[in-house]
Amino acid sequence: MNLPKVITDLVNAQNSFDSIAYADCFSETAVVFDEGKTHNGKPEIRQWIDEANKKYRTTMKPLEYIENGTASILSAECSGTFPGSPIVLKFHFDIAGGLIRHLKVTE
C-alpha cells in the first residue's frame, strides 16, 4: 500500500508507542477528534496519544487508503488492551504541507 510519508510516519510512531514522533506528524495548530473529545495543537495531541498509548497499547495495521485532494481516509486494524480488540477504525485526515492538520477517528 502506497501511503504518504506523514501517514507512514504516524503508523510507525503508533506501533512503537512514540508519542513525540506521533505528535510531530501534526501541524502546530492541528486538531484531533477521538472518543468524543477534541485535542487542539501539538502539545495536547502529544499528551492525548501518550495517555492513550499507556492505557490501550494500540498498534495499527493499515488495510486501505483512499485519497481525495488534501482529504484522505486510512482504514486500519487496531489491536490493543481495549474491549473489542482488534477493531477496524477509520482515520480521516486533512494533510497540507506534509503535516496532518486534522484527524477524526471513527468506527
N, C-alpha and C. Protein backbone atom coordinates (compact mmCIF):
# COMPACT_ATOMS: atom_id res chain seq x y z
N MET A 1 0.85 -1.18 0.00
CA MET A 1 0.00 0.00 0.00
C MET A 1 0.90 1.24 0.00
N ASN A 2 0.58 2.18 -0.88
CA ASN A 2 1.39 3.38 -1.01
C ASN A 2 0.78 4.49 -0.16
N LEU A 3 1.39 4.76 0.99
CA LEU A 3 0.90 5.79 1.91
C LEU A 3 1.79 7.02 1.83
N PRO A 4 1.21 8.21 2.04
CA PRO A 4 2.06 9.40 2.14
C PRO A 4 3.04 9.24 3.30
N LYS A 5 4.18 9.88 3.21
CA LYS A 5 5.22 9.75 4.23
C LYS A 5 4.68 10.06 5.62
N VAL A 6 3.88 11.12 5.76
CA VAL A 6 3.40 11.51 7.08
C VAL A 6 2.50 10.42 7.69
N ILE A 7 1.74 9.72 6.86
CA ILE A 7 0.89 8.63 7.37
C ILE A 7 1.75 7.43 7.76
N THR A 8 2.74 7.10 6.94
CA THR A 8 3.68 6.03 7.29
C THR A 8 4.39 6.36 8.60
N ASP A 9 4.83 7.61 8.75
CA ASP A 9 5.49 8.04 9.98
C ASP A 9 4.55 7.91 11.18
N LEU A 10 3.28 8.28 10.99
CA LEU A 10 2.29 8.19 12.07
C LEU A 10 2.09 6.74 12.50
N VAL A 11 1.92 5.85 11.52
CA VAL A 11 1.72 4.42 11.84
C VAL A 11 2.95 3.86 12.56
N ASN A 12 4.13 4.19 12.07
CA ASN A 12 5.36 3.71 12.73
C ASN A 12 5.48 4.24 14.15
N ALA A 13 5.15 5.52 14.35
CA ALA A 13 5.20 6.11 15.69
C ALA A 13 4.19 5.43 16.61
N GLN A 14 2.99 5.17 16.08
CA GLN A 14 1.97 4.49 16.89
C GLN A 14 2.42 3.09 17.28
N ASN A 15 2.96 2.37 16.31
CA ASN A 15 3.35 0.98 16.58
C ASN A 15 4.57 0.86 17.48
N SER A 16 5.32 1.95 17.65
CA SER A 16 6.45 1.94 18.59
C SER A 16 6.12 2.75 19.86
N PHE A 17 4.85 3.18 19.98
CA PHE A 17 4.36 3.93 21.15
C PHE A 17 5.20 5.18 21.42
N ASP A 18 5.60 5.87 20.34
CA ASP A 18 6.43 7.07 20.43
C ASP A 18 5.53 8.30 20.29
N SER A 19 5.08 8.85 21.42
CA SER A 19 4.13 9.96 21.39
C SER A 19 4.75 11.23 20.83
N ILE A 20 6.05 11.42 20.97
CA ILE A 20 6.71 12.61 20.43
C ILE A 20 6.74 12.54 18.91
N ALA A 21 7.18 11.40 18.37
CA ALA A 21 7.20 11.24 16.90
C ALA A 21 5.79 11.30 16.33
N TYR A 22 4.81 10.77 17.05
CA TYR A 22 3.41 10.81 16.62
C TYR A 22 2.96 12.26 16.49
N ALA A 23 3.17 13.05 17.55
CA ALA A 23 2.75 14.45 17.55
C ALA A 23 3.48 15.26 16.48
N ASP A 24 4.71 14.86 16.17
CA ASP A 24 5.48 15.58 15.15
C ASP A 24 4.91 15.41 13.74
N CYS A 25 3.95 14.50 13.57
CA CYS A 25 3.28 14.33 12.28
C CYS A 25 2.21 15.40 12.05
N PHE A 26 1.93 16.21 13.08
CA PHE A 26 0.86 17.19 13.04
C PHE A 26 1.41 18.61 12.95
N SER A 27 0.61 19.50 12.34
CA SER A 27 0.95 20.92 12.33
C SER A 27 0.78 21.48 13.74
N GLU A 28 1.34 22.65 13.99
CA GLU A 28 1.26 23.27 15.33
C GLU A 28 -0.18 23.51 15.76
N THR A 29 -1.07 23.79 14.80
CA THR A 29 -2.46 24.12 15.13
C THR A 29 -3.43 23.00 14.78
N ALA A 30 -2.93 21.80 14.64
CA ALA A 30 -3.76 20.65 14.25
C ALA A 30 -4.83 20.38 15.30
N VAL A 31 -5.88 19.69 14.84
CA VAL A 31 -6.99 19.30 15.71
C VAL A 31 -7.22 17.80 15.52
N VAL A 32 -7.37 17.09 16.65
CA VAL A 32 -7.69 15.66 16.64
C VAL A 32 -9.01 15.47 17.38
N PHE A 33 -9.91 14.66 16.77
CA PHE A 33 -11.16 14.30 17.42
C PHE A 33 -11.20 12.79 17.55
N ASP A 34 -11.26 12.31 18.80
CA ASP A 34 -11.26 10.87 19.07
C ASP A 34 -12.00 10.61 20.37
N GLU A 35 -12.78 9.55 20.41
CA GLU A 35 -13.53 9.15 21.60
C GLU A 35 -14.34 10.30 22.19
N GLY A 36 -14.93 11.11 21.31
CA GLY A 36 -15.80 12.19 21.75
C GLY A 36 -15.09 13.41 22.29
N LYS A 37 -13.77 13.46 22.18
CA LYS A 37 -13.01 14.59 22.71
C LYS A 37 -12.18 15.23 21.60
N THR A 38 -11.98 16.55 21.73
CA THR A 38 -11.19 17.31 20.78
C THR A 38 -9.87 17.71 21.43
N HIS A 39 -8.79 17.54 20.69
CA HIS A 39 -7.44 17.88 21.17
C HIS A 39 -6.86 18.89 20.18
N ASN A 40 -6.49 20.07 20.69
CA ASN A 40 -6.05 21.19 19.85
C ASN A 40 -4.56 21.47 20.03
N GLY A 41 -3.83 21.46 18.92
CA GLY A 41 -2.41 21.79 18.93
C GLY A 41 -1.52 20.62 19.33
N LYS A 42 -0.25 20.71 18.93
CA LYS A 42 0.69 19.61 19.15
C LYS A 42 0.85 19.22 20.62
N PRO A 43 0.93 20.17 21.58
CA PRO A 43 1.08 19.74 22.98
C PRO A 43 -0.09 18.88 23.47
N GLU A 44 -1.33 19.27 23.14
CA GLU A 44 -2.49 18.47 23.55
C GLU A 44 -2.51 17.13 22.84
N ILE A 45 -2.14 17.12 21.56
CA ILE A 45 -2.10 15.87 20.80
C ILE A 45 -1.07 14.93 21.40
N ARG A 46 0.10 15.46 21.74
CA ARG A 46 1.16 14.64 22.36
C ARG A 46 0.67 14.04 23.68
N GLN A 47 0.01 14.85 24.50
CA GLN A 47 -0.50 14.36 25.79
C GLN A 47 -1.58 13.31 25.58
N TRP A 48 -2.50 13.55 24.63
CA TRP A 48 -3.57 12.60 24.35
C TRP A 48 -3.01 11.25 23.91
N ILE A 49 -2.07 11.26 22.95
CA ILE A 49 -1.56 9.99 22.43
C ILE A 49 -0.69 9.29 23.46
N ASP A 50 0.02 10.04 24.29
CA ASP A 50 0.83 9.44 25.35
C ASP A 50 -0.07 8.71 26.35
N GLU A 51 -1.16 9.35 26.75
CA GLU A 51 -2.11 8.71 27.68
C GLU A 51 -2.78 7.50 27.03
N ALA A 52 -3.17 7.64 25.75
CA ALA A 52 -3.81 6.53 25.05
C ALA A 52 -2.85 5.35 24.89
N ASN A 53 -1.57 5.64 24.61
CA ASN A 53 -0.57 4.56 24.48
C ASN A 53 -0.42 3.81 25.79
N LYS A 54 -0.37 4.52 26.89
CA LYS A 54 -0.22 3.87 28.20
C LYS A 54 -1.45 3.06 28.55
N LYS A 55 -2.62 3.56 28.19
CA LYS A 55 -3.89 2.91 28.56
C LYS A 55 -4.22 1.73 27.64
N TYR A 56 -4.02 1.90 26.32
CA TYR A 56 -4.52 0.91 25.36
C TYR A 56 -3.45 0.11 24.62
N ARG A 57 -2.21 0.61 24.56
CA ARG A 57 -1.12 -0.08 23.83
C ARG A 57 -1.57 -0.48 22.43
N THR A 58 -2.16 0.46 21.72
CA THR A 58 -2.73 0.20 20.40
C THR A 58 -1.67 0.15 19.31
N THR A 59 -1.77 -0.87 18.47
CA THR A 59 -0.96 -0.94 17.25
C THR A 59 -1.91 -0.89 16.06
N MET A 60 -1.37 -0.39 14.93
CA MET A 60 -2.17 -0.20 13.72
C MET A 60 -1.62 -1.05 12.58
N LYS A 61 -2.54 -1.67 11.85
CA LYS A 61 -2.18 -2.39 10.62
C LYS A 61 -3.03 -1.79 9.50
N PRO A 62 -2.42 -0.96 8.62
CA PRO A 62 -3.17 -0.34 7.53
C PRO A 62 -3.81 -1.39 6.63
N LEU A 63 -5.09 -1.15 6.28
CA LEU A 63 -5.83 -2.06 5.41
C LEU A 63 -6.16 -1.42 4.07
N GLU A 64 -6.53 -0.13 4.09
CA GLU A 64 -6.95 0.56 2.86
C GLU A 64 -6.70 2.05 3.04
N TYR A 65 -6.32 2.70 1.95
CA TYR A 65 -6.09 4.14 1.98
C TYR A 65 -6.73 4.77 0.76
N ILE A 66 -7.59 5.77 1.00
CA ILE A 66 -8.28 6.49 -0.06
C ILE A 66 -7.93 7.97 0.08
N GLU A 67 -7.53 8.58 -1.04
CA GLU A 67 -7.12 9.98 -1.01
C GLU A 67 -7.96 10.79 -2.00
N ASN A 68 -8.37 11.98 -1.56
CA ASN A 68 -9.13 12.89 -2.41
C ASN A 68 -8.65 14.30 -2.11
N GLY A 69 -7.66 14.77 -2.85
CA GLY A 69 -7.08 16.08 -2.58
C GLY A 69 -6.32 16.07 -1.26
N THR A 70 -6.64 17.01 -0.37
CA THR A 70 -5.97 17.03 0.94
C THR A 70 -6.67 16.11 1.93
N ALA A 71 -7.87 15.63 1.59
CA ALA A 71 -8.61 14.74 2.47
C ALA A 71 -8.28 13.28 2.14
N SER A 72 -8.17 12.47 3.17
CA SER A 72 -7.90 11.05 2.96
C SER A 72 -8.44 10.25 4.13
N ILE A 73 -8.65 8.96 3.87
CA ILE A 73 -9.13 8.05 4.91
C ILE A 73 -8.26 6.81 4.91
N LEU A 74 -7.72 6.50 6.08
CA LEU A 74 -6.98 5.27 6.29
C LEU A 74 -7.84 4.34 7.13
N SER A 75 -8.12 3.16 6.61
CA SER A 75 -8.76 2.12 7.40
C SER A 75 -7.66 1.24 7.94
N ALA A 76 -7.69 1.00 9.26
CA ALA A 76 -6.63 0.22 9.88
C ALA A 76 -7.21 -0.70 10.95
N GLU A 77 -6.64 -1.90 11.00
CA GLU A 77 -6.98 -2.81 12.09
C GLU A 77 -6.17 -2.38 13.30
N CYS A 78 -6.88 -2.05 14.39
CA CYS A 78 -6.23 -1.58 15.61
C CYS A 78 -6.39 -2.63 16.69
N SER A 79 -5.26 -3.01 17.28
CA SER A 79 -5.24 -4.02 18.33
C SER A 79 -4.61 -3.40 19.57
N GLY A 80 -5.11 -3.81 20.73
CA GLY A 80 -4.54 -3.30 21.97
C GLY A 80 -5.28 -3.86 23.17
N THR A 81 -5.14 -3.18 24.29
CA THR A 81 -5.73 -3.63 25.55
C THR A 81 -7.06 -2.92 25.80
N PHE A 82 -7.91 -2.86 24.79
CA PHE A 82 -9.22 -2.23 24.93
C PHE A 82 -10.29 -3.24 24.56
N PRO A 83 -11.52 -3.07 25.11
CA PRO A 83 -12.60 -4.01 24.81
C PRO A 83 -12.87 -4.07 23.30
N GLY A 84 -13.07 -5.29 22.80
CA GLY A 84 -13.40 -5.49 21.40
C GLY A 84 -12.20 -5.57 20.47
N SER A 85 -11.00 -5.52 21.03
CA SER A 85 -9.78 -5.60 20.21
C SER A 85 -9.69 -6.96 19.55
N PRO A 86 -9.29 -7.01 18.27
CA PRO A 86 -8.99 -5.90 17.37
C PRO A 86 -10.26 -5.32 16.76
N ILE A 87 -10.15 -4.08 16.28
CA ILE A 87 -11.26 -3.38 15.65
C ILE A 87 -10.71 -2.62 14.44
N VAL A 88 -11.55 -2.46 13.42
CA VAL A 88 -11.15 -1.65 12.27
C VAL A 88 -11.66 -0.24 12.51
N LEU A 89 -10.73 0.72 12.49
CA LEU A 89 -11.07 2.13 12.65
C LEU A 89 -10.74 2.88 11.38
N LYS A 90 -11.43 3.98 11.16
CA LYS A 90 -11.16 4.86 10.03
C LYS A 90 -10.54 6.15 10.56
N PHE A 91 -9.43 6.53 9.96
CA PHE A 91 -8.70 7.74 10.32
C PHE A 91 -8.90 8.73 9.17
N HIS A 92 -9.67 9.78 9.43
CA HIS A 92 -10.00 10.80 8.43
C HIS A 92 -8.99 11.93 8.59
N PHE A 93 -8.14 12.10 7.59
CA PHE A 93 -7.05 13.07 7.64
C PHE A 93 -7.31 14.25 6.71
N ASP A 94 -6.81 15.41 7.12
CA ASP A 94 -6.63 16.56 6.24
C ASP A 94 -5.14 16.88 6.33
N ILE A 95 -4.45 16.77 5.21
CA ILE A 95 -2.99 16.91 5.18
C ILE A 95 -2.62 18.08 4.29
N ALA A 96 -1.71 18.90 4.75
CA ALA A 96 -1.19 20.00 3.93
C ALA A 96 0.26 20.25 4.31
N GLY A 97 1.09 20.50 3.32
CA GLY A 97 2.50 20.78 3.58
C GLY A 97 3.22 19.64 4.26
N GLY A 98 2.76 18.41 4.01
CA GLY A 98 3.42 17.24 4.59
C GLY A 98 3.08 16.98 6.05
N LEU A 99 2.12 17.75 6.62
CA LEU A 99 1.72 17.56 8.01
C LEU A 99 0.20 17.38 8.10
N ILE A 100 -0.22 16.71 9.15
CA ILE A 100 -1.64 16.50 9.38
C ILE A 100 -2.22 17.75 10.04
N ARG A 101 -3.29 18.29 9.44
CA ARG A 101 -3.97 19.47 10.01
C ARG A 101 -5.18 19.06 10.83
N HIS A 102 -5.79 17.93 10.44
CA HIS A 102 -7.00 17.50 11.13
C HIS A 102 -7.06 15.97 11.06
N LEU A 103 -7.47 15.36 12.18
CA LEU A 103 -7.67 13.91 12.23
C LEU A 103 -8.93 13.64 13.03
N LYS A 104 -9.81 12.84 12.43
CA LYS A 104 -11.01 12.37 13.14
C LYS A 104 -10.99 10.85 13.05
N VAL A 105 -11.11 10.19 14.20
CA VAL A 105 -11.10 8.73 14.26
C VAL A 105 -12.53 8.25 14.44
N THR A 106 -12.97 7.34 13.54
CA THR A 106 -14.34 6.80 13.62
C THR A 106 -14.30 5.28 13.45
N GLU A 107 -15.42 4.65 13.75
CA GLU A 107 -15.55 3.20 13.53
C GLU A 107 -16.09 2.94 12.16
